[in-house]
Amino acid sequence: MTVTATYQIQAFTVVFYGVTGTPIGTPQNIVWNMPATAPTYSGEAGYVFTGWDQSFANVKSNLEIHAQYTLVSYTVTFDENEG
């Protein structure tokens, strides 16, 4: 009797989400221990994109990657001596 083992490469789904919680690009199927590729993302109006919330360099499970950001803020100064 000959027994032959068959293997299937594990692949995981990686989805990137923007500031508003909507997916950016399409979900990626990543082979075990390989890196995902971050989509091009510059943020949304009123926010400054600062990076991603976790590493996706060696994918070993399904991942949801969320954009990190800071709110844009402005300083308003009133000058009571100006007309």
PDB file of N, CA and C in Angstrom:
ATOM      1  N   MET A   1       0.844  -1.171   0.000  1.00  0.00           N
ATOM      2  CA  MET A   1       0.000   0.000   0.000  1.00  0.00           C
ATOM      3  C   MET A   1       0.887   1.231   0.000  1.00  0.00           C
ATOM      4  N   THR A   2       0.528   2.174  -0.838  1.00  0.00           N
ATOM      5  CA  THR A   2       1.226   3.444  -0.891  1.00  0.00           C
ATOM      6  C   THR A   2       0.286   4.534  -0.384  1.00  0.00           C
ATOM      7  N   VAL A   3       0.775   5.292   0.569  1.00  0.00           N
ATOM      8  CA  VAL A   3      -0.010   6.404   1.104  1.00  0.00           C
ATOM      9  C   VAL A   3       0.660   7.696   0.666  1.00  0.00           C
ATOM     10  N   THR A   4      -0.120   8.565   0.065  1.00  0.00           N
ATOM     11  CA  THR A   4       0.410   9.837  -0.406  1.00  0.00           C
ATOM     12  C   THR A   4      -0.277  10.972   0.333  1.00  0.00           C
ATOM     13  N   ALA A   5       0.523  11.811   0.946  1.00  0.00           N
ATOM     14  CA  ALA A   5      -0.012  12.978   1.655  1.00  0.00           C
ATOM     15  C   ALA A   5      -0.240  14.105   0.657  1.00  0.00           C
ATOM     16  N   THR A   6      -1.314  14.807   0.847  1.00  0.00           N
ATOM     17  CA  THR A   6      -1.559  16.000   0.027  1.00  0.00           C
ATOM     18  C   THR A   6      -1.624  17.209   0.950  1.00  0.00           C
ATOM     19  N   TYR A   7      -1.145  18.304   0.466  1.00  0.00           N
ATOM     20  CA  TYR A   7      -1.089  19.519   1.269  1.00  0.00           C
ATOM     21  C   TYR A   7      -1.753  20.660   0.515  1.00  0.00           C
ATOM     22  N   GLN A   8      -2.313  21.554   1.272  1.00  0.00           N
ATOM     23  CA  GLN A   8      -2.862  22.776   0.705  1.00  0.00           C
ATOM     24  C   GLN A   8      -2.243  23.943   1.459  1.00  0.00           C
ATOM     25  N   ILE A   9      -1.708  24.882   0.719  1.00  0.00           N
ATOM     26  CA  ILE A   9      -1.076  26.046   1.345  1.00  0.00           C
ATOM     27  C   ILE A   9      -2.143  26.872   2.050  1.00  0.00           C
ATOM     28  N   GLN A  10      -1.860  27.227   3.298  1.00  0.00           N
ATOM     29  CA  GLN A  10      -2.787  28.072   4.038  1.00  0.00           C
ATOM     30  C   GLN A  10      -2.722  29.493   3.513  1.00  0.00           C
ATOM     31  N   ALA A  11      -3.887  30.069   3.319  1.00  0.00           N
ATOM     32  CA  ALA A  11      -3.976  31.473   2.902  1.00  0.00           C
ATOM     33  C   ALA A  11      -4.988  32.163   3.802  1.00  0.00           C
ATOM     34  N   PHE A  12      -4.751  33.431   4.054  1.00  0.00           N
ATOM     35  CA  PHE A  12      -5.589  34.203   4.960  1.00  0.00           C
ATOM     36  C   PHE A  12      -6.053  35.480   4.267  1.00  0.00           C
ATOM     37  N   THR A  13      -7.167  35.999   4.740  1.00  0.00           N
ATOM     38  CA  THR A  13      -7.727  37.228   4.171  1.00  0.00           C
ATOM     39  C   THR A  13      -7.291  38.425   5.007  1.00  0.00           C
ATOM     40  N   VAL A  14      -6.787  39.445   4.323  1.00  0.00           N
ATOM     41  CA  VAL A  14      -6.380  40.691   4.972  1.00  0.00           C
ATOM     42  C   VAL A  14      -7.204  41.815   4.344  1.00  0.00           C
ATOM     43  N   VAL A  15      -7.880  42.587   5.204  1.00  0.00           N
ATOM     44  CA  VAL A  15      -8.694  43.708   4.736  1.00  0.00           C
ATOM     45  C   VAL A  15      -8.209  44.977   5.442  1.00  0.00           C
ATOM     46  N   PHE A  16      -7.988  46.024   4.666  1.00  0.00           N
ATOM     47  CA  PHE A  16      -7.593  47.325   5.204  1.00  0.00           C
ATOM     48  C   PHE A  16      -8.820  48.223   5.269  1.00  0.00           C
ATOM     49  N   TYR A  17      -8.949  48.974   6.372  1.00  0.00           N
ATOM     50  CA  TYR A  17     -10.086  49.872   6.575  1.00  0.00           C
ATOM     51  C   TYR A  17      -9.598  51.298   6.775  1.00  0.00           C
ATOM     52  N   GLY A  18     -10.347  52.251   6.220  1.00  0.00           N
ATOM     53  CA  GLY A  18     -10.023  53.666   6.355  1.00  0.00           C
ATOM     54  C   GLY A  18     -10.605  54.265   7.617  1.00  0.00           C
ATOM     55  N   VAL A  19     -10.440  55.568   7.745  1.00  0.00           N
ATOM     56  CA  VAL A  19     -10.895  56.328   8.907  1.00  0.00           C
ATOM     57  C   VAL A  19     -12.384  56.122   9.168  1.00  0.00           C
ATOM     58  N   THR A  20     -13.166  56.087   8.099  1.00  0.00           N
ATOM     59  CA  THR A  20     -14.619  55.974   8.243  1.00  0.00           C
ATOM     60  C   THR A  20     -15.095  54.538   8.453  1.00  0.00           C
ATOM     61  N   GLY A  21     -14.169  53.587   8.461  1.00  0.00           N
ATOM     62  CA  GLY A  21     -14.537  52.194   8.673  1.00  0.00           C
ATOM     63  C   GLY A  21     -14.906  51.443   7.413  1.00  0.00           C
ATOM     64  N   THR A  22     -14.740  52.070   6.260  1.00  0.00           N
ATOM     65  CA  THR A  22     -15.025  51.381   5.005  1.00  0.00           C
ATOM     66  C   THR A  22     -13.755  50.725   4.466  1.00  0.00           C
ATOM     67  N   PRO A  23     -13.898  49.571   3.819  1.00  0.00           N
ATOM     68  CA  PRO A  23     -12.713  48.891   3.268  1.00  0.00           C
ATOM     69  C   PRO A  23     -12.018  49.745   2.213  1.00  0.00           C
ATOM     70  N   ILE A  24     -10.707  49.626   2.181  1.00  0.00           N
ATOM     71  CA  ILE A  24      -9.892  50.303   1.175  1.00  0.00           C
ATOM     72  C   ILE A  24      -9.398  49.220   0.220  1.00  0.00           C
ATOM     73  N   GLY A  25      -9.686  49.377  -1.031  1.00  0.00           N
ATOM     74  CA  GLY A  25      -9.261  48.376  -2.007  1.00  0.00           C
ATOM     75  C   GLY A  25     -10.042  47.087  -1.842  1.00  0.00           C
ATOM     76  N   THR A  26      -9.485  46.008  -2.344  1.00  0.00           N
ATOM     77  CA  THR A  26     -10.135  44.709  -2.249  1.00  0.00           C
ATOM     78  C   THR A  26      -9.414  43.852  -1.215  1.00  0.00           C
ATOM     79  N   PRO A  27     -10.118  42.894  -0.594  1.00  0.00           N
ATOM     80  CA  PRO A  27      -9.456  41.993   0.350  1.00  0.00           C
ATOM     81  C   PRO A  27      -8.321  41.239  -0.342  1.00  0.00           C
ATOM     82  N   GLN A  28      -7.270  40.988   0.413  1.00  0.00           N
ATOM     83  CA  GLN A  28      -6.111  40.285  -0.129  1.00  0.00           C
ATOM     84  C   GLN A  28      -6.053  38.868   0.439  1.00  0.00           C
ATOM     85  N   ASN A  29      -5.753  37.902  -0.401  1.00  0.00           N
ATOM     86  CA  ASN A  29      -5.513  36.529   0.062  1.00  0.00           C
ATOM     87  C   ASN A  29      -4.010  36.353   0.148  1.00  0.00           C
ATOM     88  N   ILE A  30      -3.521  36.162   1.369  1.00  0.00           N
ATOM     89  CA  ILE A  30      -2.084  36.107   1.615  1.00  0.00           C
ATOM     90  C   ILE A  30      -1.698  34.709   2.096  1.00  0.00           C
ATOM     91  N   VAL A  31      -0.683  34.151   1.481  1.00  0.00           N
ATOM     92  CA  VAL A  31      -0.156  32.844   1.883  1.00  0.00           C
ATOM     93  C   VAL A  31       0.512  32.973   3.242  1.00  0.00           C
ATOM     94  N   TRP A  32       0.401  31.942   4.057  1.00  0.00           N
ATOM     95  CA  TRP A  32       0.937  31.912   5.422  1.00  0.00           C
ATOM     96  C   TRP A  32       2.354  32.466   5.473  1.00  0.00           C
ATOM     97  N   ASN A  33       2.566  33.382   6.410  1.00  0.00           N
ATOM     98  CA  ASN A  33       3.856  33.977   6.758  1.00  0.00           C
ATOM     99  C   ASN A  33       4.421  34.916   5.689  1.00  0.00           C
ATOM    100  N   MET A  34       3.602  35.323   4.732  1.00  0.00           N
ATOM    101  CA  MET A  34       4.032  36.284   3.721  1.00  0.00           C
ATOM    102  C   MET A  34       3.430  37.656   4.061  1.00  0.00           C
ATOM    103  N   PRO A  35       3.982  38.739   3.505  1.00  0.00           N
ATOM    104  CA  PRO A  35       3.455  40.071   3.819  1.00  0.00           C
ATOM    105  C   PRO A  35       2.253  40.446   2.957  1.00  0.00           C
ATOM    106  N   ALA A  36       1.366  41.241   3.526  1.00  0.00           N
ATOM    107  CA  ALA A  36       0.300  41.876   2.762  1.00  0.00           C
ATOM    108  C   ALA A  36       0.865  43.190   2.212  1.00  0.00           C
ATOM    109  N   THR A  37       0.173  43.766   1.264  1.00  0.00           N
ATOM    110  CA  THR A  37       0.600  45.030   0.673  1.00  0.00           C
ATOM    111  C   THR A  37      -0.408  46.107   1.040  1.00  0.00           C
ATOM    112  N   ALA A  38       0.061  47.128   1.706  1.00  0.00           N
ATOM    113  CA  ALA A  38      -0.832  48.229   2.102  1.00  0.00           C
ATOM    114  C   ALA A  38      -1.331  48.955   0.862  1.00  0.00           C
ATOM    115  N   PRO A  39      -2.616  49.279   0.838  1.00  0.00           N
ATOM    116  CA  PRO A  39      -3.134  50.050  -0.295  1.00  0.00           C
ATOM    117  C   PRO A  39      -2.662  51.501  -0.208  1.00  0.00           C
ATOM    118  N   THR A  40      -2.705  52.194  -1.310  1.00  0.00           N
ATOM    119  CA  THR A  40      -2.399  53.626  -1.303  1.00  0.00           C
ATOM    120  C   THR A  40      -3.523  54.318  -0.545  1.00  0.00           C
ATOM    121  N   TYR A  41      -3.157  55.065   0.473  1.00  0.00           N
ATOM    122  CA  TYR A  41      -4.175  55.709   1.302  1.00  0.00           C
ATOM    123  C   TYR A  41      -3.611  56.980   1.893  1.00  0.00           C
ATOM    124  N   SER A  42      -4.278  58.093   1.652  1.00  0.00           N
ATOM    125  CA  SER A  42      -3.805  59.377   2.184  1.00  0.00           C
ATOM    126  C   SER A  42      -4.738  59.931   3.248  1.00  0.00           C
ATOM    127  N   GLY A  43      -5.787  59.200   3.587  1.00  0.00           N
ATOM    128  CA  GLY A  43      -6.694  59.649   4.634  1.00  0.00           C
ATOM    129  C   GLY A  43      -7.961  60.261   4.073  1.00  0.00           C
ATOM    130  N   GLU A  44      -8.691  60.891   4.950  1.00  0.00           N
ATOM    131  CA  GLU A  44      -9.963  61.529   4.602  1.00  0.00           C
ATOM    132  C   GLU A  44      -9.862  63.008   4.969  1.00  0.00           C
ATOM    133  N   ALA A  45     -10.737  63.809   4.409  1.00  0.00           N
ATOM    134  CA  ALA A  45     -10.756  65.236   4.725  1.00  0.00           C
ATOM    135  C   ALA A  45     -10.979  65.432   6.218  1.00  0.00           C
ATOM    136  N   GLY A  46     -10.167  66.268   6.839  1.00  0.00           N
ATOM    137  CA  GLY A  46     -10.295  66.545   8.262  1.00  0.00           C
ATOM    138  C   GLY A  46      -9.446  65.646   9.148  1.00  0.00           C
ATOM    139  N   TYR A  47      -8.729  64.680   8.547  1.00  0.00           N
ATOM    140  CA  TYR A  47      -7.907  63.739   9.302  1.00  0.00           C
ATOM    141  C   TYR A  47      -6.510  63.676   8.686  1.00  0.00           C
ATOM    142  N   VAL A  48      -5.525  63.377   9.517  1.00  0.00           N
ATOM    143  CA  VAL A  48      -4.171  63.142   9.039  1.00  0.00           C
ATOM    144  C   VAL A  48      -3.860  61.671   9.296  1.00  0.00           C
ATOM    145  N   PHE A  49      -3.597  60.924   8.246  1.00  0.00           N
ATOM    146  CA  PHE A  49      -3.261  59.501   8.342  1.00  0.00           C
ATOM    147  C   PHE A  49      -1.892  59.351   8.991  1.00  0.00           C
ATOM    148  N   THR A  50      -1.794  58.515  10.033  1.00  0.00           N
ATOM    149  CA  THR A  50      -0.528  58.348  10.744  1.00  0.00           C
ATOM    150  C   THR A  50       0.046  56.937  10.646  1.00  0.00           C
ATOM    151  N   GLY A  51      -0.677  56.013  10.033  1.00  0.00           N
ATOM    152  CA  GLY A  51      -0.158  54.656   9.875  1.00  0.00           C
ATOM    153  C   GLY A  51      -1.256  53.626  10.088  1.00  0.00           C
ATOM    154  N   TRP A  52      -0.848  52.375  10.235  1.00  0.00           N
ATOM    155  CA  TRP A  52      -1.776  51.260  10.422  1.00  0.00           C
ATOM    156  C   TRP A  52      -1.704  50.759  11.843  1.00  0.00           C
ATOM    157  N   ASP A  53      -2.775  50.140  12.334  1.00  0.00           N
ATOM    158  CA  ASP A  53      -2.860  49.756  13.744  1.00  0.00           C
ATOM    159  C   ASP A  53      -2.106  48.485  14.107  1.00  0.00           C
ATOM    160  N   GLN A  54      -1.629  47.738  13.127  1.00  0.00           N
ATOM    161  CA  GLN A  54      -0.862  46.529  13.431  1.00  0.00           C
ATOM    162  C   GLN A  54       0.006  46.141  12.240  1.00  0.00           C
ATOM    163  N   SER A  55       0.954  45.280  12.509  1.00  0.00           N
ATOM    164  CA  SER A  55       1.854  44.813  11.464  1.00  0.00           C
ATOM    165  C   SER A  55       1.149  43.804  10.563  1.00  0.00           C
ATOM    166  N   PHE A  56       1.530  43.805   9.309  1.00  0.00           N
ATOM    167  CA  PHE A  56       1.021  42.822   8.351  1.00  0.00           C
ATOM    168  C   PHE A  56       2.197  42.268   7.538  1.00  0.00           C
ATOM    169  N   ALA A  57       3.375  42.224   8.193  1.00  0.00           N
ATOM    170  CA  ALA A  57       4.603  41.769   7.550  1.00  0.00           C
ATOM    171  C   ALA A  57       4.656  40.253   7.409  1.00  0.00           C
ATOM    172  N   ASN A  58       4.105  39.518   8.362  1.00  0.00           N
ATOM    173  CA  ASN A  58       4.108  38.057   8.346  1.00  0.00           C
ATOM    174  C   ASN A  58       2.719  37.561   8.731  1.00  0.00           C
ATOM    175  N   VAL A  59       1.850  37.456   7.746  1.00  0.00           N
ATOM    176  CA  VAL A  59       0.448  37.112   7.993  1.00  0.00           C
ATOM    177  C   VAL A  59       0.317  35.631   8.367  1.00  0.00           C
ATOM    178  N   LYS A  60      -0.295  35.396   9.546  1.00  0.00           N
ATOM    179  CA  LYS A  60      -0.500  34.027  10.026  1.00  0.00           C
ATOM    180  C   LYS A  60      -1.943  33.779  10.442  1.00  0.00           C
ATOM    181  N   SER A  61      -2.831  34.742  10.136  1.00  0.00           N
ATOM    182  CA  SER A  61      -4.259  34.615  10.434  1.00  0.00           C
ATOM    183  C   SER A  61      -5.004  35.664   9.623  1.00  0.00           C
ATOM    184  N   ASN A  62      -6.327  35.572   9.591  1.00  0.00           N
ATOM    185  CA  ASN A  62      -7.123  36.614   8.959  1.00  0.00           C
ATOM    186  C   ASN A  62      -6.902  37.906   9.735  1.00  0.00           C
ATOM    187  N   LEU A  63      -6.760  39.020   9.024  1.00  0.00           N
ATOM    188  CA  LEU A  63      -6.486  40.296   9.687  1.00  0.00           C
ATOM    189  C   LEU A  63      -7.417  41.387   9.192  1.00  0.00           C
ATOM    190  N   GLU A  64      -7.792  42.260  10.105  1.00  0.00           N
ATOM    191  CA  GLU A  64      -8.454  43.515   9.786  1.00  0.00           C
ATOM    192  C   GLU A  64      -7.508  44.616  10.223  1.00  0.00           C
ATOM    193  N   ILE A  65      -7.004  45.366   9.260  1.00  0.00           N
ATOM    194  CA  ILE A  65      -6.025  46.418   9.520  1.00  0.00           C
ATOM    195  C   ILE A  65      -6.745  47.767   9.420  1.00  0.00           C
ATOM    196  N   HIS A  66      -6.644  48.574  10.470  1.00  0.00           N
ATOM    197  CA  HIS A  66      -7.357  49.852  10.504  1.00  0.00           C
ATOM    198  C   HIS A  66      -6.390  51.034  10.447  1.00  0.00           C
ATOM    199  N   ALA A  67      -6.794  52.046   9.693  1.00  0.00           N
ATOM    200  CA  ALA A  67      -6.005  53.282   9.595  1.00  0.00           C
ATOM    201  C   ALA A  67      -5.990  53.977  10.947  1.00  0.00           C
ATOM    202  N   GLN A  68      -4.852  54.510  11.304  1.00  0.00           N
ATOM    203  CA  GLN A  68      -4.709  55.346  12.499  1.00  0.00           C
ATOM    204  C   GLN A  68      -4.615  56.786  12.012  1.00  0.00           C
ATOM    205  N   TYR A  69      -5.127  57.709  12.789  1.00  0.00           N
ATOM    206  CA  TYR A  69      -5.186  59.090  12.341  1.00  0.00           C
ATOM    207  C   TYR A  69      -5.266  60.045  13.512  1.00  0.00           C
ATOM    208  N   THR A  70      -5.020  61.300  13.210  1.00  0.00           N
ATOM    209  CA  THR A  70      -5.285  62.378  14.155  1.00  0.00           C
ATOM    210  C   THR A  70      -6.222  63.350  13.452  1.00  0.00           C
ATOM    211  N   LEU A  71      -7.028  64.010  14.235  1.00  0.00           N
ATOM    212  CA  LEU A  71      -7.930  65.011  13.685  1.00  0.00           C
ATOM    213  C   LEU A  71      -7.160  66.273  13.355  1.00  0.00           C
ATOM    214  N   VAL A  72      -7.505  66.908  12.269  1.00  0.00           N
ATOM    215  CA  VAL A  72      -6.917  68.194  11.928  1.00  0.00           C
ATOM    216  C   VAL A  72      -7.542  69.231  12.859  1.00  0.00           C
ATOM    217  N   SER A  73      -6.714  70.053  13.462  1.00  0.00           N
ATOM    218  CA  SER A  73      -7.258  71.094  14.345  1.00  0.00           C
ATOM    219  C   SER A  73      -6.660  72.442  13.954  1.00  0.00           C
ATOM    220  N   TYR A  74      -7.400  73.457  14.248  1.00  0.00           N
ATOM    221  CA  TYR A  74      -6.991  74.821  13.923  1.00  0.00           C
ATOM    222  C   TYR A  74      -7.127  75.688  15.169  1.00  0.00           C
ATOM    223  N   THR A  75      -6.308  76.698  15.250  1.00  0.00           N
ATOM    224  CA  THR A  75      -6.399  77.664  16.331  1.00  0.00           C
ATOM    225  C   THR A  75      -6.986  78.949  15.759  1.00  0.00           C
ATOM    226  N   VAL A  76      -8.028  79.433  16.390  1.00  0.00           N
ATOM    227  CA  VAL A  76      -8.662  80.682  15.971  1.00  0.00           C
ATOM    228  C   VAL A  76      -8.411  81.707  17.054  1.00  0.00           C
ATOM    229  N   THR A  77      -7.894  82.842  16.660  1.00  0.00           N
ATOM    230  CA  THR A  77      -7.598  83.920  17.605  1.00  0.00           C
ATOM    231  C   THR A  77      -8.417  85.145  17.210  1.00  0.00           C
ATOM    232  N   PHE A  78      -9.119  85.706  18.158  1.00  0.00           N
ATOM    233  CA  PHE A  78      -9.911  86.908  17.928  1.00  0.00           C
ATOM    234  C   PHE A  78      -9.133  88.094  18.483  1.00  0.00           C
ATOM    235  N   ASP A  79      -9.028  89.105  17.683  1.00  0.00           N
ATOM    236  CA  ASP A  79      -8.341  90.320  18.110  1.00  0.00           C
ATOM    237  C   ASP A  79      -9.418  91.398  18.283  1.00  0.00           C
ATOM    238  N   GLU A  80      -9.708  91.745  19.533  1.00  0.00           N
ATOM    239  CA  GLU A  80     -10.779  92.689  19.799  1.00  0.00           C
ATOM    240  C   GLU A  80     -10.452  94.114  19.378  1.00  0.00           C
ATOM    241  N   ASN A  81      -9.174  94.389  19.037  1.00  0.00           N
ATOM    242  CA  ASN A  81      -8.794  95.734  18.623  1.00  0.00           C
ATOM    243  C   ASN A  81      -8.960  95.946  17.122  1.00  0.00           C
ATOM    244  N   GLU A  82      -9.197  94.891  16.386  1.00  0.00           N
ATOM    245  CA  GLU A  82      -9.381  95.028  14.934  1.00  0.00           C
ATOM    246  C   GLU A  82     -10.842  95.272  14.630  1.00  0.00           C
ATOM    247  N   GLY A  83     -11.149  96.106  13.682  1.00  0.00           N
ATOM    248  CA  GLY A  83     -12.481  96.523  13.345  1.00  0.00           C
ATOM    249  C   GLY A  83     -13.171  95.582  12.470  1.00  0.00           C
TER     250      GLY A  83
END
